[in-house]
Amino acid sequence: MGSAAMPEEILMDQMNVSITDHLAGYVRARVKSGRYNNASEVVRDALRRMEEADQRALRVGNPTVEDVVTDLTALQTEAIRKRVLESIAEDGRGEYVEYEGRAGMEALAADVVAHGLERFNRPR
């Protein structure tokens, strides 16, 4: 007879933590809202979120796609979507430039700089 897989036991440590009256009120309000069963759940969730934010901050120099997308606003996401669709249409019409080899990469870099300067110098 096979045995059913037992759920992995999560060990929990206990701590006493001092917090301000303001934070205590916030924790009580979160529990009262029904989203959390008790103060410990509120604190664990807050610490998980803090840990995720710390990990994201460490990846700032090398962000993942998920990090970048998470930080985009709906307006930015829509603008990117629109630009991607425009680029696909341009490609379909043959409106693109091909770059080959080292000279091509240098030409691409020069084009990017020129385009950036053009946008930067536009009247606002």
PDB file of N, CA and C in Angstrom:
ATOM      1  N   MET A   1       0.821  -1.186   0.000  1.00  0.00           N
ATOM      2  CA  MET A   1       0.000   0.000   0.000  1.00  0.00           C
ATOM      3  C   MET A   1       0.860   1.244   0.000  1.00  0.00           C
ATOM      4  N   GLY A   2       0.531   2.163  -0.870  1.00  0.00           N
ATOM      5  CA  GLY A   2       1.264   3.428  -0.907  1.00  0.00           C
ATOM      6  C   GLY A   2       0.764   4.374   0.165  1.00  0.00           C
ATOM      7  N   SER A   3       1.636   5.225   0.613  1.00  0.00           N
ATOM      8  CA  SER A   3       1.218   6.193   1.632  1.00  0.00           C
ATOM      9  C   SER A   3       1.001   7.548   0.975  1.00  0.00           C
ATOM     10  N   ALA A   4       0.018   8.260   1.481  1.00  0.00           N
ATOM     11  CA  ALA A   4      -0.277   9.590   0.949  1.00  0.00           C
ATOM     12  C   ALA A   4       0.842  10.551   1.343  1.00  0.00           C
ATOM     13  N   ALA A   5       1.160  11.469   0.476  1.00  0.00           N
ATOM     14  CA  ALA A   5       2.208  12.451   0.764  1.00  0.00           C
ATOM     15  C   ALA A   5       1.738  13.364   1.887  1.00  0.00           C
ATOM     16  N   MET A   6       2.578  13.515   2.860  1.00  0.00           N
ATOM     17  CA  MET A   6       2.248  14.379   3.999  1.00  0.00           C
ATOM     18  C   MET A   6       2.693  15.795   3.676  1.00  0.00           C
ATOM     19  N   PRO A   7       1.882  16.795   4.036  1.00  0.00           N
ATOM     20  CA  PRO A   7       2.309  18.175   3.782  1.00  0.00           C
ATOM     21  C   PRO A   7       3.570  18.496   4.578  1.00  0.00           C
ATOM     22  N   GLU A   8       4.435  19.282   3.969  1.00  0.00           N
ATOM     23  CA  GLU A   8       5.680  19.657   4.627  1.00  0.00           C
ATOM     24  C   GLU A   8       5.375  20.546   5.826  1.00  0.00           C
ATOM     25  N   GLU A   9       5.964  20.215   6.956  1.00  0.00           N
ATOM     26  CA  GLU A   9       5.727  20.986   8.176  1.00  0.00           C
ATOM     27  C   GLU A   9       6.536  22.276   8.134  1.00  0.00           C
ATOM     28  N   ILE A  10       5.880  23.377   8.464  1.00  0.00           N
ATOM     29  CA  ILE A  10       6.553  24.672   8.498  1.00  0.00           C
ATOM     30  C   ILE A  10       6.851  24.991   9.950  1.00  0.00           C
ATOM     31  N   LEU A  11       8.130  25.105  10.261  1.00  0.00           N
ATOM     32  CA  LEU A  11       8.525  25.436  11.620  1.00  0.00           C
ATOM     33  C   LEU A  11       8.464  26.936  11.817  1.00  0.00           C
ATOM     34  N   MET A  12       7.930  27.349  12.935  1.00  0.00           N
ATOM     35  CA  MET A  12       7.820  28.779  13.222  1.00  0.00           C
ATOM     36  C   MET A  12       8.495  29.077  14.548  1.00  0.00           C
ATOM     37  N   ASP A  13       9.210  30.166  14.548  1.00  0.00           N
ATOM     38  CA  ASP A  13       9.862  30.672  15.746  1.00  0.00           C
ATOM     39  C   ASP A  13       8.960  31.749  16.337  1.00  0.00           C
ATOM     40  N   GLN A  14       9.087  31.987  17.612  1.00  0.00           N
ATOM     41  CA  GLN A  14       8.301  33.044  18.236  1.00  0.00           C
ATOM     42  C   GLN A  14       9.217  34.182  18.647  1.00  0.00           C
ATOM     43  N   MET A  15       8.692  35.420  18.522  1.00  0.00           N
ATOM     44  CA  MET A  15       9.427  36.628  18.894  1.00  0.00           C
ATOM     45  C   MET A  15       8.466  37.601  19.531  1.00  0.00           C
ATOM     46  N   ASN A  16       8.980  38.394  20.426  1.00  0.00           N
ATOM     47  CA  ASN A  16       8.222  39.533  20.940  1.00  0.00           C
ATOM     48  C   ASN A  16       8.804  40.769  20.280  1.00  0.00           C
ATOM     49  N   VAL A  17       7.943  41.586  19.694  1.00  0.00           N
ATOM     50  CA  VAL A  17       8.388  42.762  18.968  1.00  0.00           C
ATOM     51  C   VAL A  17       7.637  43.975  19.487  1.00  0.00           C
ATOM     52  N   SER A  18       8.354  45.056  19.724  1.00  0.00           N
ATOM     53  CA  SER A  18       7.716  46.301  20.151  1.00  0.00           C
ATOM     54  C   SER A  18       7.452  47.164  18.926  1.00  0.00           C
ATOM     55  N   ILE A  19       6.213  47.676  18.809  1.00  0.00           N
ATOM     56  CA  ILE A  19       5.865  48.548  17.695  1.00  0.00           C
ATOM     57  C   ILE A  19       5.131  49.769  18.237  1.00  0.00           C
ATOM     58  N   THR A  20       5.060  50.796  17.418  1.00  0.00           N
ATOM     59  CA  THR A  20       4.389  52.031  17.840  1.00  0.00           C
ATOM     60  C   THR A  20       2.883  51.809  17.920  1.00  0.00           C
ATOM     61  N   ASP A  21       2.194  52.703  18.619  1.00  0.00           N
ATOM     62  CA  ASP A  21       0.732  52.627  18.695  1.00  0.00           C
ATOM     63  C   ASP A  21       0.116  52.712  17.303  1.00  0.00           C
ATOM     64  N   HIS A  22       0.684  53.550  16.463  1.00  0.00           N
ATOM     65  CA  HIS A  22       0.175  53.703  15.100  1.00  0.00           C
ATOM     66  C   HIS A  22       0.231  52.368  14.351  1.00  0.00           C
ATOM     67  N   LEU A  23       1.389  51.689  14.408  1.00  0.00           N
ATOM     68  CA  LEU A  23       1.528  50.409  13.719  1.00  0.00           C
ATOM     69  C   LEU A  23       0.630  49.341  14.332  1.00  0.00           C
ATOM     70  N   ALA A  24       0.492  49.356  15.643  1.00  0.00           N
ATOM     71  CA  ALA A  24      -0.395  48.394  16.302  1.00  0.00           C
ATOM     72  C   ALA A  24      -1.831  48.595  15.815  1.00  0.00           C
ATOM     73  N   GLY A  25      -2.245  49.842  15.691  1.00  0.00           N
ATOM     74  CA  GLY A  25      -3.579  50.139  15.177  1.00  0.00           C
ATOM     75  C   GLY A  25      -3.741  49.656  13.749  1.00  0.00           C
ATOM     76  N   TYR A  26      -2.698  49.820  12.951  1.00  0.00           N
ATOM     77  CA  TYR A  26      -2.741  49.363  11.562  1.00  0.00           C
ATOM     78  C   TYR A  26      -2.890  47.841  11.510  1.00  0.00           C
ATOM     79  N   VAL A  27      -2.119  47.138  12.335  1.00  0.00           N
ATOM     80  CA  VAL A  27      -2.202  45.669  12.366  1.00  0.00           C
ATOM     81  C   VAL A  27      -3.611  45.236  12.779  1.00  0.00           C
ATOM     82  N   ARG A  28      -4.157  45.860  13.823  1.00  0.00           N
ATOM     83  CA  ARG A  28      -5.522  45.510  14.262  1.00  0.00           C
ATOM     84  C   ARG A  28      -6.531  45.756  13.140  1.00  0.00           C
ATOM     85  N   ALA A  29      -6.372  46.853  12.415  1.00  0.00           N
ATOM     86  CA  ALA A  29      -7.291  47.176  11.317  1.00  0.00           C
ATOM     87  C   ALA A  29      -7.207  46.138  10.205  1.00  0.00           C
ATOM     88  N   ARG A  30      -5.994  45.666   9.892  1.00  0.00           N
ATOM     89  CA  ARG A  30      -5.832  44.648   8.850  1.00  0.00           C
ATOM     90  C   ARG A  30      -6.516  43.347   9.263  1.00  0.00           C
ATOM     91  N   VAL A  31      -6.393  42.978  10.549  1.00  0.00           N
ATOM     92  CA  VAL A  31      -7.053  41.763  11.044  1.00  0.00           C
ATOM     93  C   VAL A  31      -8.568  41.957  10.993  1.00  0.00           C
ATOM     94  N   LYS A  32      -9.026  43.125  11.437  1.00  0.00           N
ATOM     95  CA  LYS A  32     -10.461  43.419  11.468  1.00  0.00           C
ATOM     96  C   LYS A  32     -11.056  43.406  10.059  1.00  0.00           C
ATOM     97  N   SER A  33     -10.247  43.739   9.046  1.00  0.00           N
ATOM     98  CA  SER A  33     -10.729  43.761   7.663  1.00  0.00           C
ATOM     99  C   SER A  33     -11.115  42.365   7.176  1.00  0.00           C
ATOM    100  N   GLY A  34     -10.608  41.336   7.854  1.00  0.00           N
ATOM    101  CA  GLY A  34     -10.916  39.967   7.472  1.00  0.00           C
ATOM    102  C   GLY A  34      -9.897  39.339   6.544  1.00  0.00           C
ATOM    103  N   ARG A  35      -8.971  40.117   6.058  1.00  0.00           N
ATOM    104  CA  ARG A  35      -7.960  39.566   5.149  1.00  0.00           C
ATOM    105  C   ARG A  35      -6.976  38.662   5.892  1.00  0.00           C
ATOM    106  N   TYR A  36      -6.749  38.971   7.146  1.00  0.00           N
ATOM    107  CA  TYR A  36      -5.815  38.198   7.974  1.00  0.00           C
ATOM    108  C   TYR A  36      -6.571  37.644   9.184  1.00  0.00           C
ATOM    109  N   ASN A  37      -6.127  36.489   9.666  1.00  0.00           N
ATOM    110  CA  ASN A  37      -6.762  35.871  10.833  1.00  0.00           C
ATOM    111  C   ASN A  37      -6.233  36.418  12.152  1.00  0.00           C
ATOM    112  N   ASN A  38      -4.984  36.891  12.132  1.00  0.00           N
ATOM    113  CA  ASN A  38      -4.378  37.374  13.368  1.00  0.00           C
ATOM    114  C   ASN A  38      -3.195  38.290  13.054  1.00  0.00           C
ATOM    115  N   ALA A  39      -2.662  38.893  14.105  1.00  0.00           N
ATOM    116  CA  ALA A  39      -1.557  39.846  13.949  1.00  0.00           C
ATOM    117  C   ALA A  39      -0.311  39.180  13.365  1.00  0.00           C
ATOM    118  N   SER A  40      -0.070  37.935  13.715  1.00  0.00           N
ATOM    119  CA  SER A  40       1.111  37.240  13.189  1.00  0.00           C
ATOM    120  C   SER A  40       1.063  37.142  11.670  1.00  0.00           C
ATOM    121  N   GLU A  41      -0.117  36.873  11.112  1.00  0.00           N
ATOM    122  CA  GLU A  41      -0.240  36.801   9.654  1.00  0.00           C
ATOM    123  C   GLU A  41       0.073  38.144   9.009  1.00  0.00           C
ATOM    124  N   VAL A  42      -0.372  39.225   9.624  1.00  0.00           N
ATOM    125  CA  VAL A  42      -0.094  40.568   9.091  1.00  0.00           C
ATOM    126  C   VAL A  42       1.407  40.805   9.069  1.00  0.00           C
ATOM    127  N   VAL A  43       2.067  40.516  10.170  1.00  0.00           N
ATOM    128  CA  VAL A  43       3.507  40.751  10.274  1.00  0.00           C
ATOM    129  C   VAL A  43       4.273  39.853   9.303  1.00  0.00           C
ATOM    130  N   ARG A  44       3.892  38.573   9.203  1.00  0.00           N
ATOM    131  CA  ARG A  44       4.576  37.674   8.256  1.00  0.00           C
ATOM    132  C   ARG A  44       4.430  38.170   6.818  1.00  0.00           C
ATOM    133  N   ASP A  45       3.212  38.615   6.457  1.00  0.00           N
ATOM    134  CA  ASP A  45       2.997  39.127   5.109  1.00  0.00           C
ATOM    135  C   ASP A  45       3.844  40.377   4.863  1.00  0.00           C
ATOM    136  N   ALA A  46       3.878  41.271   5.844  1.00  0.00           N
ATOM    137  CA  ALA A  46       4.678  42.495   5.704  1.00  0.00           C
ATOM    138  C   ALA A  46       6.161  42.159   5.552  1.00  0.00           C
ATOM    139  N   LEU A  47       6.647  41.203   6.321  1.00  0.00           N
ATOM    140  CA  LEU A  47       8.058  40.817   6.228  1.00  0.00           C
ATOM    141  C   LEU A  47       8.361  40.133   4.896  1.00  0.00           C
ATOM    142  N   ARG A  48       7.429  39.305   4.398  1.00  0.00           N
ATOM    143  CA  ARG A  48       7.628  38.688   3.077  1.00  0.00           C
ATOM    144  C   ARG A  48       7.741  39.759   2.000  1.00  0.00           C
ATOM    145  N   ARG A  49       6.845  40.755   2.078  1.00  0.00           N
ATOM    146  CA  ARG A  49       6.883  41.837   1.091  1.00  0.00           C
ATOM    147  C   ARG A  49       8.185  42.634   1.199  1.00  0.00           C
ATOM    148  N   MET A  50       8.639  42.876   2.418  1.00  0.00           N
ATOM    149  CA  MET A  50       9.893  43.598   2.616  1.00  0.00           C
ATOM    150  C   MET A  50      11.058  42.790   2.039  1.00  0.00           C
ATOM    151  N   GLU A  51      11.035  41.486   2.273  1.00  0.00           N
ATOM    152  CA  GLU A  51      12.095  40.632   1.741  1.00  0.00           C
ATOM    153  C   GLU A  51      12.097  40.659   0.212  1.00  0.00           C
ATOM    154  N   GLU A  52      10.912  40.596  -0.416  1.00  0.00           N
ATOM    155  CA  GLU A  52      10.817  40.665  -1.876  1.00  0.00           C
ATOM    156  C   GLU A  52      11.343  42.002  -2.393  1.00  0.00           C
ATOM    157  N   ALA A  53      11.009  43.095  -1.704  1.00  0.00           N
ATOM    158  CA  ALA A  53      11.483  44.421  -2.112  1.00  0.00           C
ATOM    159  C   ALA A  53      13.003  44.495  -1.996  1.00  0.00           C
ATOM    160  N   ASP A  54      13.553  43.934  -0.930  1.00  0.00           N
ATOM    161  CA  ASP A  54      15.010  43.917  -0.760  1.00  0.00           C
ATOM    162  C   ASP A  54      15.678  43.119  -1.880  1.00  0.00           C
ATOM    163  N   GLN A  55      15.098  41.974  -2.223  1.00  0.00           N
ATOM    164  CA  GLN A  55      15.664  41.151  -3.293  1.00  0.00           C
ATOM    165  C   GLN A  55      15.589  41.880  -4.630  1.00  0.00           C
ATOM    166  N   ARG A  56      14.468  42.591  -4.884  1.00  0.00           N
ATOM    167  CA  ARG A  56      14.341  43.383  -6.113  1.00  0.00           C
ATOM    168  C   ARG A  56      15.389  44.478  -6.153  1.00  0.00           C
ATOM    169  N   ALA A  57      15.620  45.116  -5.005  1.00  0.00           N
ATOM    170  CA  ALA A  57      16.610  46.196  -4.942  1.00  0.00           C
ATOM    171  C   ALA A  57      18.011  45.664  -5.247  1.00  0.00           C
ATOM    172  N   LEU A  58      18.305  44.456  -4.817  1.00  0.00           N
ATOM    173  CA  LEU A  58      19.611  43.864  -5.102  1.00  0.00           C
ATOM    174  C   LEU A  58      19.790  43.563  -6.585  1.00  0.00           C
ATOM    175  N   ARG A  59      18.663  43.340  -7.291  1.00  0.00           N
ATOM    176  CA  ARG A  59      18.727  43.020  -8.714  1.00  0.00           C
ATOM    177  C   ARG A  59      18.635  44.257  -9.596  1.00  0.00           C
ATOM    178  N   VAL A  60      18.669  45.456  -9.015  1.00  0.00           N
ATOM    179  CA  VAL A  60      18.508  46.680  -9.801  1.00  0.00           C
ATOM    180  C   VAL A  60      19.527  46.738 -10.933  1.00  0.00           C
ATOM    181  N   GLY A  61      20.750  46.323 -10.666  1.00  0.00           N
ATOM    182  CA  GLY A  61      21.785  46.357 -11.695  1.00  0.00           C
ATOM    183  C   GLY A  61      21.570  45.328 -12.786  1.00  0.00           C
ATOM    184  N   ASN A  62      20.772  44.306 -12.501  1.00  0.00           N
ATOM    185  CA  ASN A  62      20.522  43.251 -13.473  1.00  0.00           C
ATOM    186  C   ASN A  62      19.073  42.772 -13.309  1.00  0.00           C
ATOM    187  N   PRO A  63      18.105  43.652 -13.617  1.00  0.00           N
ATOM    188  CA  PRO A  63      16.706  43.299 -13.367  1.00  0.00           C
ATOM    189  C   PRO A  63      16.206  42.203 -14.305  1.00  0.00           C
ATOM    190  N   THR A  64      15.289  41.403 -13.784  1.00  0.00           N
ATOM    191  CA  THR A  64      14.641  40.402 -14.618  1.00  0.00           C
ATOM    192  C   THR A  64      13.491  41.077 -15.358  1.00  0.00           C
ATOM    193  N   VAL A  65      12.962  40.416 -16.360  1.00  0.00           N
ATOM    194  CA  VAL A  65      11.812  40.947 -17.093  1.00  0.00           C
ATOM    195  C   VAL A  65      10.655  41.154 -16.122  1.00  0.00           C
ATOM    196  N   GLU A  66      10.479  40.210 -15.204  1.00  0.00           N
ATOM    197  CA  GLU A  66       9.399  40.321 -14.211  1.00  0.00           C
ATOM    198  C   GLU A  66       9.552  41.582 -13.367  1.00  0.00           C
ATOM    199  N   ASP A  67      10.790  41.913 -12.959  1.00  0.00           N
ATOM    200  CA  ASP A  67      11.023  43.123 -12.173  1.00  0.00           C
ATOM    201  C   ASP A  67      10.599  44.364 -12.955  1.00  0.00           C
ATOM    202  N   VAL A  68      10.976  44.413 -14.217  1.00  0.00           N
ATOM    203  CA  VAL A  68      10.675  45.584 -15.032  1.00  0.00           C
ATOM    204  C   VAL A  68       9.178  45.712 -15.259  1.00  0.00           C
ATOM    205  N   VAL A  69       8.532  44.623 -15.627  1.00  0.00           N
ATOM    206  CA  VAL A  69       7.094  44.656 -15.907  1.00  0.00           C
ATOM    207  C   VAL A  69       6.300  45.000 -14.653  1.00  0.00           C
ATOM    208  N   THR A  70       6.731  44.501 -13.504  1.00  0.00           N
ATOM    209  CA  THR A  70       6.038  44.776 -12.250  1.00  0.00           C
ATOM    210  C   THR A  70       6.026  46.266 -11.950  1.00  0.00           C
ATOM    211  N   ASP A  71       7.096  46.957 -12.320  1.00  0.00           N
ATOM    212  CA  ASP A  71       7.212  48.378 -12.010  1.00  0.00           C
ATOM    213  C   ASP A  71       6.569  49.301 -13.053  1.00  0.00           C
ATOM    214  N   LEU A  72       6.051  48.749 -14.142  1.00  0.00           N
ATOM    215  CA  LEU A  72       5.438  49.580 -15.165  1.00  0.00           C
ATOM    216  C   LEU A  72       4.000  49.940 -14.796  1.00  0.00           C
ATOM    217  N   THR A  73       3.616  51.147 -15.134  1.00  0.00           N
ATOM    218  CA  THR A  73       2.223  51.553 -14.940  1.00  0.00           C
ATOM    219  C   THR A  73       1.406  51.037 -16.119  1.00  0.00           C
ATOM    220  N   ALA A  74       0.098  51.048 -15.982  1.00  0.00           N
ATOM    221  CA  ALA A  74      -0.779  50.607 -17.067  1.00  0.00           C
ATOM    222  C   ALA A  74      -0.558  51.462 -18.310  1.00  0.00           C
ATOM    223  N   LEU A  75      -0.352  52.764 -18.117  1.00  0.00           N
ATOM    224  CA  LEU A  75      -0.125  53.669 -19.239  1.00  0.00           C
ATOM    225  C   LEU A  75       1.168  53.316 -19.964  1.00  0.00           C
ATOM    226  N   GLN A  76       2.235  53.025 -19.205  1.00  0.00           N
ATOM    227  CA  GLN A  76       3.508  52.646 -19.813  1.00  0.00           C
ATOM    228  C   GLN A  76       3.378  51.319 -20.558  1.00  0.00           C
ATOM    229  N   THR A  77       2.675  50.371 -19.956  1.00  0.00           N
ATOM    230  CA  THR A  77       2.481  49.066 -20.586  1.00  0.00           C
ATOM    231  C   THR A  77       1.725  49.219 -21.898  1.00  0.00           C
ATOM    232  N   GLU A  78       0.690  50.049 -21.909  1.00  0.00           N
ATOM    233  CA  GLU A  78      -0.090  50.283 -23.136  1.00  0.00           C
ATOM    234  C   GLU A  78       0.777  50.953 -24.201  1.00  0.00           C
ATOM    235  N   ALA A  79       1.620  51.909 -23.812  1.00  0.00           N
ATOM    236  CA  ALA A  79       2.502  52.578 -24.768  1.00  0.00           C
ATOM    237  C   ALA A  79       3.493  51.582 -25.375  1.00  0.00           C
ATOM    238  N   ILE A  80       4.013  50.686 -24.567  1.00  0.00           N
ATOM    239  CA  ILE A  80       4.943  49.669 -25.074  1.00  0.00           C
ATOM    240  C   ILE A  80       4.222  48.733 -26.039  1.00  0.00           C
ATOM    241  N   ARG A  81       3.028  48.285 -25.653  1.00  0.00           N
ATOM    242  CA  ARG A  81       2.243  47.395 -26.509  1.00  0.00           C
ATOM    243  C   ARG A  81       1.982  48.044 -27.870  1.00  0.00           C
ATOM    244  N   LYS A  82       1.599  49.330 -27.834  1.00  0.00           N
ATOM    245  CA  LYS A  82       1.311  50.058 -29.069  1.00  0.00           C
ATOM    246  C   LYS A  82       2.570  50.163 -29.939  1.00  0.00           C
ATOM    247  N   ARG A  83       3.718  50.467 -29.307  1.00  0.00           N
ATOM    248  CA  ARG A  83       4.965  50.617 -30.059  1.00  0.00           C
ATOM    249  C   ARG A  83       5.403  49.284 -30.661  1.00  0.00           C
ATOM    250  N   VAL A  84       5.210  48.187 -29.939  1.00  0.00           N
ATOM    251  CA  VAL A  84       5.569  46.869 -30.466  1.00  0.00           C
ATOM    252  C   VAL A  84       4.711  46.553 -31.688  1.00  0.00           C
ATOM    253  N   LEU A  85       3.407  46.811 -31.599  1.00  0.00           N
ATOM    254  CA  LEU A  85       2.523  46.563 -32.739  1.00  0.00           C
ATOM    255  C   LEU A  85       2.909  47.432 -33.936  1.00  0.00           C
ATOM    256  N   GLU A  86       3.277  48.701 -33.672  1.00  0.00           N
ATOM    257  CA  GLU A  86       3.732  49.581 -34.759  1.00  0.00           C
ATOM    258  C   GLU A  86       5.003  49.027 -35.402  1.00  0.00           C
ATOM    259  N   SER A  87       5.914  48.550 -34.577  1.00  0.00           N
ATOM    260  CA  SER A  87       7.180  48.010 -35.094  1.00  0.00           C
ATOM    261  C   SER A  87       6.947  46.763 -35.927  1.00  0.00           C
ATOM    262  N   ILE A  88       6.026  45.912 -35.508  1.00  0.00           N
ATOM    263  CA  ILE A  88       5.711  44.711 -36.284  1.00  0.00           C
ATOM    264  C   ILE A  88       5.154  45.111 -37.648  1.00  0.00           C
ATOM    265  N   ALA A  89       4.281  46.102 -37.665  1.00  0.00           N
ATOM    266  CA  ALA A  89       3.710  46.580 -38.931  1.00  0.00           C
ATOM    267  C   ALA A  89       4.806  47.171 -39.818  1.00  0.00           C
ATOM    268  N   GLU A  90       5.715  47.967 -39.243  1.00  0.00           N
ATOM    269  CA  GLU A  90       6.829  48.544 -40.012  1.00  0.00           C
ATOM    270  C   GLU A  90       7.689  47.443 -40.619  1.00  0.00           C
ATOM    271  N   ASP A  91       7.968  46.408 -39.834  1.00  0.00           N
ATOM    272  CA  ASP A  91       8.772  45.288 -40.312  1.00  0.00           C
ATOM    273  C   ASP A  91       8.069  44.619 -41.492  1.00  0.00           C
ATOM    274  N   GLY A  92       6.761  44.442 -41.366  1.00  0.00           N
ATOM    275  CA  GLY A  92       5.990  43.829 -42.446  1.00  0.00           C
ATOM    276  C   GLY A  92       6.029  44.647 -43.730  1.00  0.00           C
ATOM    277  N   ARG A  93       6.160  45.952 -43.597  1.00  0.00           N
ATOM    278  CA  ARG A  93       6.236  46.834 -44.774  1.00  0.00           C
ATOM    279  C   ARG A  93       7.678  47.022 -45.260  1.00  0.00           C
ATOM    280  N   GLY A  94       8.615  46.375 -44.595  1.00  0.00           N
ATOM    281  CA  GLY A  94      10.018  46.501 -44.994  1.00  0.00           C
ATOM    282  C   GLY A  94      10.671  47.786 -44.525  1.00  0.00           C
ATOM    283  N   GLU A  95      10.081  48.435 -43.535  1.00  0.00           N
ATOM    284  CA  GLU A  95      10.612  49.706 -43.027  1.00  0.00           C
ATOM    285  C   GLU A  95      11.550  49.437 -41.849  1.00  0.00           C
ATOM    286  N   TYR A  96      12.736  48.960 -42.185  1.00  0.00           N
ATOM    287  CA  TYR A  96      13.723  48.698 -41.143  1.00  0.00           C
ATOM    288  C   TYR A  96      15.116  48.837 -41.735  1.00  0.00           C
ATOM    289  N   VAL A  97      16.110  48.883 -40.846  1.00  0.00           N
ATOM    290  CA  VAL A  97      17.504  48.996 -41.269  1.00  0.00           C
ATOM    291  C   VAL A  97      18.234  47.767 -40.751  1.00  0.00           C
ATOM    292  N   GLU A  98      19.048  47.160 -41.606  1.00  0.00           N
ATOM    293  CA  GLU A  98      19.848  46.015 -41.190  1.00  0.00           C
ATOM    294  C   GLU A  98      21.263  46.482 -40.849  1.00  0.00           C
ATOM    295  N   TYR A  99      21.804  45.948 -39.773  1.00  0.00           N
ATOM    296  CA  TYR A  99      23.165  46.269 -39.342  1.00  0.00           C
ATOM    297  C   TYR A  99      23.954  44.967 -39.309  1.00  0.00           C
ATOM    298  N   GLU A 100      25.162  44.979 -39.908  1.00  0.00           N
ATOM    299  CA  GLU A 100      25.981  43.768 -39.941  1.00  0.00           C
ATOM    300  C   GLU A 100      27.380  44.058 -39.437  1.00  0.00           C
ATOM    301  N   GLY A 101      27.922  43.127 -38.676  1.00  0.00           N
ATOM    302  CA  GLY A 101      29.296  43.199 -38.210  1.00  0.00           C
ATOM    303  C   GLY A 101      29.568  44.376 -37.283  1.00  0.00           C
ATOM    304  N   ARG A 102      30.862  44.575 -37.032  1.00  0.00           N
ATOM    305  CA  ARG A 102      31.301  45.635 -36.127  1.00  0.00           C
ATOM    306  C   ARG A 102      30.897  47.015 -36.644  1.00  0.00           C
ATOM    307  N   ALA A 103      31.073  47.231 -37.928  1.00  0.00           N
ATOM    308  CA  ALA A 103      30.711  48.530 -38.510  1.00  0.00           C
ATOM    309  C   ALA A 103      29.208  48.760 -38.368  1.00  0.00           C
ATOM    310  N   GLY A 104      28.433  47.712 -38.525  1.00  0.00           N
ATOM    311  CA  GLY A 104      26.993  47.821 -38.363  1.00  0.00           C
ATOM    312  C   GLY A 104      26.614  48.179 -36.936  1.00  0.00           C
ATOM    313  N   MET A 105      27.299  47.578 -35.969  1.00  0.00           N
ATOM    314  CA  MET A 105      27.024  47.886 -34.562  1.00  0.00           C
ATOM    315  C   MET A 105      27.396  49.329 -34.239  1.00  0.00           C
ATOM    316  N   GLU A 106      28.499  49.794 -34.824  1.00  0.00           N
ATOM    317  CA  GLU A 106      28.894  51.193 -34.617  1.00  0.00           C
ATOM    318  C   GLU A 106      27.877  52.146 -35.234  1.00  0.00           C
ATOM    319  N   ALA A 107      27.363  51.777 -36.409  1.00  0.00           N
ATOM    320  CA  ALA A 107      26.338  52.599 -37.070  1.00  0.00           C
ATOM    321  C   ALA A 107      25.052  52.592 -36.244  1.00  0.00           C
ATOM    322  N   LEU A 108      24.684  51.428 -35.708  1.00  0.00           N
ATOM    323  CA  LEU A 108      23.494  51.337 -34.854  1.00  0.00           C
ATOM    324  C   LEU A 108      23.652  52.228 -33.627  1.00  0.00           C
ATOM    325  N   ALA A 109      24.814  52.166 -32.984  1.00  0.00           N
ATOM    326  CA  ALA A 109      25.059  52.996 -31.794  1.00  0.00           C
ATOM    327  C   ALA A 109      24.951  54.474 -32.145  1.00  0.00           C
ATOM    328  N   ALA A 110      25.515  54.863 -33.273  1.00  0.00           N
ATOM    329  CA  ALA A 110      25.442  56.267 -33.698  1.00  0.00           C
ATOM    330  C   ALA A 110      23.999  56.674 -33.971  1.00  0.00           C
ATOM    331  N   ASP A 111      23.225  55.781 -34.596  1.00  0.00           N
ATOM    332  CA  ASP A 111      21.813  56.073 -34.866  1.00  0.00           C
ATOM    333  C   ASP A 111      21.021  56.217 -33.568  1.00  0.00           C
ATOM    334  N   VAL A 112      21.307  55.373 -32.610  1.00  0.00           N
ATOM    335  CA  VAL A 112      20.604  55.442 -31.316  1.00  0.00           C
ATOM    336  C   VAL A 112      20.926  56.759 -30.620  1.00  0.00           C
ATOM    337  N   VAL A 113      22.191  57.127 -30.606  1.00  0.00           N
ATOM    338  CA  VAL A 113      22.585  58.394 -29.982  1.00  0.00           C
ATOM    339  C   VAL A 113      21.920  59.567 -30.699  1.00  0.00           C
ATOM    340  N   ALA A 114      21.951  59.565 -32.020  1.00  0.00           N
ATOM    341  CA  ALA A 114      21.340  60.655 -32.789  1.00  0.00           C
ATOM    342  C   ALA A 114      19.839  60.743 -32.507  1.00  0.00           C
ATOM    343  N   HIS A 115      19.175  59.600 -32.474  1.00  0.00           N
ATOM    344  CA  HIS A 115      17.733  59.579 -32.190  1.00  0.00           C
ATOM    345  C   HIS A 115      17.460  60.089 -30.772  1.00  0.00           C
ATOM    346  N   GLY A 116      18.281  59.669 -29.828  1.00  0.00           N
ATOM    347  CA  GLY A 116      18.123  60.130 -28.448  1.00  0.00           C
ATOM    348  C   GLY A 116      18.316  61.626 -28.323  1.00  0.00           C
ATOM    349  N   LEU A 117      19.342  62.149 -28.969  1.00  0.00           N
ATOM    350  CA  LEU A 117      19.584  63.593 -28.940  1.00  0.00           C
ATOM    351  C   LEU A 117      18.447  64.359 -29.596  1.00  0.00           C
ATOM    352  N   GLU A 118      17.944  63.818 -30.696  1.00  0.00           N
ATOM    353  CA  GLU A 118      16.807  64.451 -31.382  1.00  0.00           C
ATOM    354  C   GLU A 118      15.594  64.537 -30.451  1.00  0.00           C
ATOM    355  N   ARG A 119      15.307  63.460 -29.764  1.00  0.00           N
ATOM    356  CA  ARG A 119      14.166  63.448 -28.821  1.00  0.00           C
ATOM    357  C   ARG A 119      14.427  64.375 -27.629  1.00  0.00           C
ATOM    358  N   PHE A 120      15.671  64.367 -27.150  1.00  0.00           N
ATOM    359  CA  PHE A 120      16.026  65.192 -25.995  1.00  0.00           C
ATOM    360  C   PHE A 120      15.893  66.682 -26.315  1.00  0.00           C
ATOM    361  N   ASN A 121      16.258  67.042 -27.525  1.00  0.00           N
ATOM    362  CA  ASN A 121      16.279  68.459 -27.924  1.00  0.00           C
ATOM    363  C   ASN A 121      14.934  68.981 -28.441  1.00  0.00           C
ATOM    364  N   ARG A 122      13.931  68.109 -28.518  1.00  0.00           N
ATOM    365  CA  ARG A 122      12.603  68.572 -28.952  1.00  0.00           C
ATOM    366  C   ARG A 122      12.043  69.567 -27.950  1.00  0.00           C
ATOM    367  N   PRO A 123      11.371  70.586 -28.456  1.00  0.00           N
ATOM    368  CA  PRO A 123      10.734  71.537 -27.532  1.00  0.00           C
ATOM    369  C   PRO A 123       9.657  70.817 -26.699  1.00  0.00           C
ATOM    370  N   ARG A 124       9.561  71.215 -25.453  1.00  0.00           N
ATOM    371  CA  ARG A 124       8.596  70.554 -24.574  1.00  0.00           C
ATOM    372  C   ARG A 124       7.472  71.476 -24.265  1.00  0.00           C
TER     373      ARG A 124
END
